[in-house]
């Protein structure tokens, strides 16, 4: 979910969802899929420590996800510590996130008609 939707749900305030919120949701699903992909690990039973830690944080709270997005989009990820699949995807995730952040803010509360 987008940060705006999560905040509105947490604070129980009205929120006008837009297609940009859906784009953020799709981005976070792709990010999660990249982090949890085991296809290119040499031994699926032996997940590198840094990748395991990243998986725990990405699947954790909203705050953890936001902090770790910077790690997932770092083009300098070590292939041996994070796996080659995530290392190959990080530049795409980096550009994708940058484009999403350049979109207009969403979630303005709808005006109530009286």
C-alpha atoms as a PDB file:
ATOM      1  CA  UNK A   1       0.000   0.000   0.000  1.00  0.00           C
ATOM      2  CA  UNK A   2       1.077   3.573  -0.527  1.00  0.00           C
ATOM      3  CA  UNK A   3       2.352   5.610   2.411  1.00  0.00           C
ATOM      4  CA  UNK A   4      -0.742   7.842   2.234  1.00  0.00           C
ATOM      5  CA  UNK A   5      -3.141   4.919   2.428  1.00  0.00           C
ATOM      6  CA  UNK A   6      -1.237   3.360   5.325  1.00  0.00           C
ATOM      7  CA  UNK A   7      -1.244   6.643   7.227  1.00  0.00           C
ATOM      8  CA  UNK A   8      -4.961   7.202   6.635  1.00  0.00           C
ATOM      9  CA  UNK A   9      -5.755   3.673   7.792  1.00  0.00           C
ATOM     10  CA  UNK A  10      -3.555   4.026  10.881  1.00  0.00           C
ATOM     11  CA  UNK A  11      -5.110   7.381  11.835  1.00  0.00           C
ATOM     12  CA  UNK A  12      -8.612   6.414  10.707  1.00  0.00           C
ATOM     13  CA  UNK A  13      -9.013   9.523   8.537  1.00  0.00           C
ATOM     14  CA  UNK A  14     -10.770   9.888   5.168  1.00  0.00           C
ATOM     15  CA  UNK A  15      -8.537   9.357   2.159  1.00  0.00           C
ATOM     16  CA  UNK A  16      -9.250   9.756  -1.537  1.00  0.00           C
ATOM     17  CA  UNK A  17      -7.385   6.923  -3.272  1.00  0.00           C
ATOM     18  CA  UNK A  18      -5.941   7.651  -6.696  1.00  0.00           C
ATOM     19  CA  UNK A  19      -4.272   5.566  -9.412  1.00  0.00           C
ATOM     20  CA  UNK A  20      -0.924   6.809  -8.075  1.00  0.00           C
ATOM     21  CA  UNK A  21      -1.618   4.885  -4.864  1.00  0.00           C
ATOM     22  CA  UNK A  22      -2.102   1.781  -7.001  1.00  0.00           C
ATOM     23  CA  UNK A  23       1.236   2.410  -8.751  1.00  0.00           C
ATOM     24  CA  UNK A  24       2.947   2.584  -5.350  1.00  0.00           C
ATOM     25  CA  UNK A  25       1.289  -0.679  -4.321  1.00  0.00           C
ATOM     26  CA  UNK A  26       2.517  -2.365  -7.479  1.00  0.00           C
ATOM     27  CA  UNK A  27       6.022  -1.026  -6.857  1.00  0.00           C
ATOM     28  CA  UNK A  28       6.109  -2.407  -3.307  1.00  0.00           C
ATOM     29  CA  UNK A  29       4.901  -5.821  -4.524  1.00  0.00           C
ATOM     30  CA  UNK A  30       7.707  -5.868  -7.108  1.00  0.00           C
ATOM     31  CA  UNK A  31      10.213  -4.814  -4.466  1.00  0.00           C
ATOM     32  CA  UNK A  32       9.045  -7.605  -2.157  1.00  0.00           C
ATOM     33  CA  UNK A  33       9.211 -10.161  -4.995  1.00  0.00           C
ATOM     34  CA  UNK A  34      12.781  -9.121  -5.835  1.00  0.00           C
ATOM     35  CA  UNK A  35      13.920  -9.406  -2.218  1.00  0.00           C
ATOM     36  CA  UNK A  36      12.303 -12.827  -1.699  1.00  0.00           C
ATOM     37  CA  UNK A  37      13.369 -14.378  -5.018  1.00  0.00           C
ATOM     38  CA  UNK A  38      15.603 -17.427  -4.495  1.00  0.00           C
ATOM     39  CA  UNK A  39      16.108 -18.385  -8.149  1.00  0.00           C
ATOM     40  CA  UNK A  40      19.707 -17.223  -8.497  1.00  0.00           C
ATOM     41  CA  UNK A  41      20.991 -18.127  -5.048  1.00  0.00           C
ATOM     42  CA  UNK A  42      23.652 -20.793  -5.295  1.00  0.00           C
ATOM     43  CA  UNK A  43      22.105 -22.801  -2.477  1.00  0.00           C
ATOM     44  CA  UNK A  44      18.469 -22.000  -1.627  1.00  0.00           C
ATOM     45  CA  UNK A  45      19.022 -23.399   1.869  1.00  0.00           C
ATOM     46  CA  UNK A  46      21.814 -20.910   2.561  1.00  0.00           C
ATOM     47  CA  UNK A  47      20.471 -17.359   2.329  1.00  0.00           C
ATOM     48  CA  UNK A  48      23.159 -14.706   2.938  1.00  0.00           C
ATOM     49  CA  UNK A  49      22.862 -12.940   6.298  1.00  0.00           C
ATOM     50  CA  UNK A  50      22.349  -9.441   4.868  1.00  0.00           C
ATOM     51  CA  UNK A  51      19.618 -10.677   2.526  1.00  0.00           C
ATOM     52  CA  UNK A  52      17.903 -12.524   5.374  1.00  0.00           C
ATOM     53  CA  UNK A  53      17.999  -9.370   7.496  1.00  0.00           C
ATOM     54  CA  UNK A  54      16.606  -7.304   4.614  1.00  0.00           C
ATOM     55  CA  UNK A  55      13.774  -9.822   4.139  1.00  0.00           C
ATOM     56  CA  UNK A  56      12.799  -9.557   7.794  1.00  0.00           C
ATOM     57  CA  UNK A  57      12.752  -5.759   7.644  1.00  0.00           C
ATOM     58  CA  UNK A  58      10.866  -5.514   4.334  1.00  0.00           C
ATOM     59  CA  UNK A  59       8.185  -7.842   5.699  1.00  0.00           C
ATOM     60  CA  UNK A  60       8.052  -5.914   8.974  1.00  0.00           C
ATOM     61  CA  UNK A  61       6.452  -2.618   9.869  1.00  0.00           C
ATOM     62  CA  UNK A  62       5.786   0.316   7.576  1.00  0.00           C
ATOM     63  CA  UNK A  63       8.743   2.179   9.079  1.00  0.00           C
ATOM     64  CA  UNK A  64      11.101  -0.699   8.381  1.00  0.00           C
ATOM     65  CA  UNK A  65       9.887  -0.877   4.770  1.00  0.00           C
ATOM     66  CA  UNK A  66      10.480   2.816   4.181  1.00  0.00           C
ATOM     67  CA  UNK A  67      13.980   2.692   5.659  1.00  0.00           C
ATOM     68  CA  UNK A  68      14.952  -0.433   3.705  1.00  0.00           C
ATOM     69  CA  UNK A  69      13.703   0.883   0.370  1.00  0.00           C
ATOM     70  CA  UNK A  70      16.949   2.832   0.188  1.00  0.00           C
ATOM     71  CA  UNK A  71      18.900  -0.397   0.620  1.00  0.00           C
ATOM     72  CA  UNK A  72      16.879  -2.251  -2.026  1.00  0.00           C
ATOM     73  CA  UNK A  73      17.438   0.524  -4.565  1.00  0.00           C
ATOM     74  CA  UNK A  74      21.184   0.871  -3.951  1.00  0.00           C
ATOM     75  CA  UNK A  75      22.963   0.148  -7.245  1.00  0.00           C
ATOM     76  CA  UNK A  76      26.051  -0.976  -5.319  1.00  0.00           C
ATOM     77  CA  UNK A  77      24.484  -4.062  -3.693  1.00  0.00           C
ATOM     78  CA  UNK A  78      26.995  -6.859  -3.248  1.00  0.00           C
ATOM     79  CA  UNK A  79      25.870  -9.876  -5.280  1.00  0.00           C
ATOM     80  CA  UNK A  80      27.341 -12.321  -2.782  1.00  0.00           C
ATOM     81  CA  UNK A  81      25.538 -10.691   0.165  1.00  0.00           C
ATOM     82  CA  UNK A  82      22.153 -10.054  -1.492  1.00  0.00           C
ATOM     83  CA  UNK A  83      21.988 -12.486  -4.401  1.00  0.00           C
ATOM     84  CA  UNK A  84      22.404 -11.703  -8.071  1.00  0.00           C
ATOM     85  CA  UNK A  85      18.668 -11.349  -8.780  1.00  0.00           C
ATOM     86  CA  UNK A  86      18.187  -8.448  -6.349  1.00  0.00           C
ATOM     87  CA  UNK A  87      21.504  -6.886  -7.395  1.00  0.00           C
ATOM     88  CA  UNK A  88      20.341  -6.965 -11.031  1.00  0.00           C
ATOM     89  CA  UNK A  89      16.936  -5.446 -10.165  1.00  0.00           C
ATOM     90  CA  UNK A  90      18.068  -2.646  -7.870  1.00  0.00           C
ATOM     91  CA  UNK A  91      18.736  -0.107 -10.642  1.00  0.00           C
ATOM     92  CA  UNK A  92      15.243  -0.695 -12.067  1.00  0.00           C
ATOM     93  CA  UNK A  93      13.729  -0.288  -8.590  1.00  0.00           C
ATOM     94  CA  UNK A  94      15.800   2.858  -8.053  1.00  0.00           C
ATOM     95  CA  UNK A  95      14.555   4.510 -11.264  1.00  0.00           C
ATOM     96  CA  UNK A  96      10.990   3.321 -10.661  1.00  0.00           C
ATOM     97  CA  UNK A  97      10.898   4.786  -7.154  1.00  0.00           C
ATOM     98  CA  UNK A  98      12.394   8.070  -8.383  1.00  0.00           C
ATOM     99  CA  UNK A  99       9.668   8.350 -11.041  1.00  0.00           C
ATOM    100  CA  UNK A 100       6.934   7.600  -8.514  1.00  0.00           C
ATOM    101  CA  UNK A 101       8.261  10.252  -6.120  1.00  0.00           C
ATOM    102  CA  UNK A 102       8.145  12.808  -8.949  1.00  0.00           C
ATOM    103  CA  UNK A 103       4.372  12.286  -9.376  1.00  0.00           C
ATOM    104  CA  UNK A 104       1.940  14.698  -7.696  1.00  0.00           C
ATOM    105  CA  UNK A 105       0.951  14.049  -4.110  1.00  0.00           C
ATOM    106  CA  UNK A 106      -2.275  12.092  -3.724  1.00  0.00           C
ATOM    107  CA  UNK A 107      -4.763  11.364  -1.031  1.00  0.00           C
ATOM    108  CA  UNK A 108      -6.221  14.761  -0.473  1.00  0.00           C
ATOM    109  CA  UNK A 109      -9.189  14.406   1.763  1.00  0.00           C
ATOM    110  CA  UNK A 110     -12.419  14.809  -0.195  1.00  0.00           C
ATOM    111  CA  UNK A 111     -14.414  17.938   0.458  1.00  0.00           C
ATOM    112  CA  UNK A 112     -17.688  17.202   2.137  1.00  0.00           C
ATOM    113  CA  UNK A 113     -20.776  18.622   0.491  1.00  0.00           C
ATOM    114  CA  UNK A 114     -23.028  20.338   3.016  1.00  0.00           C
END
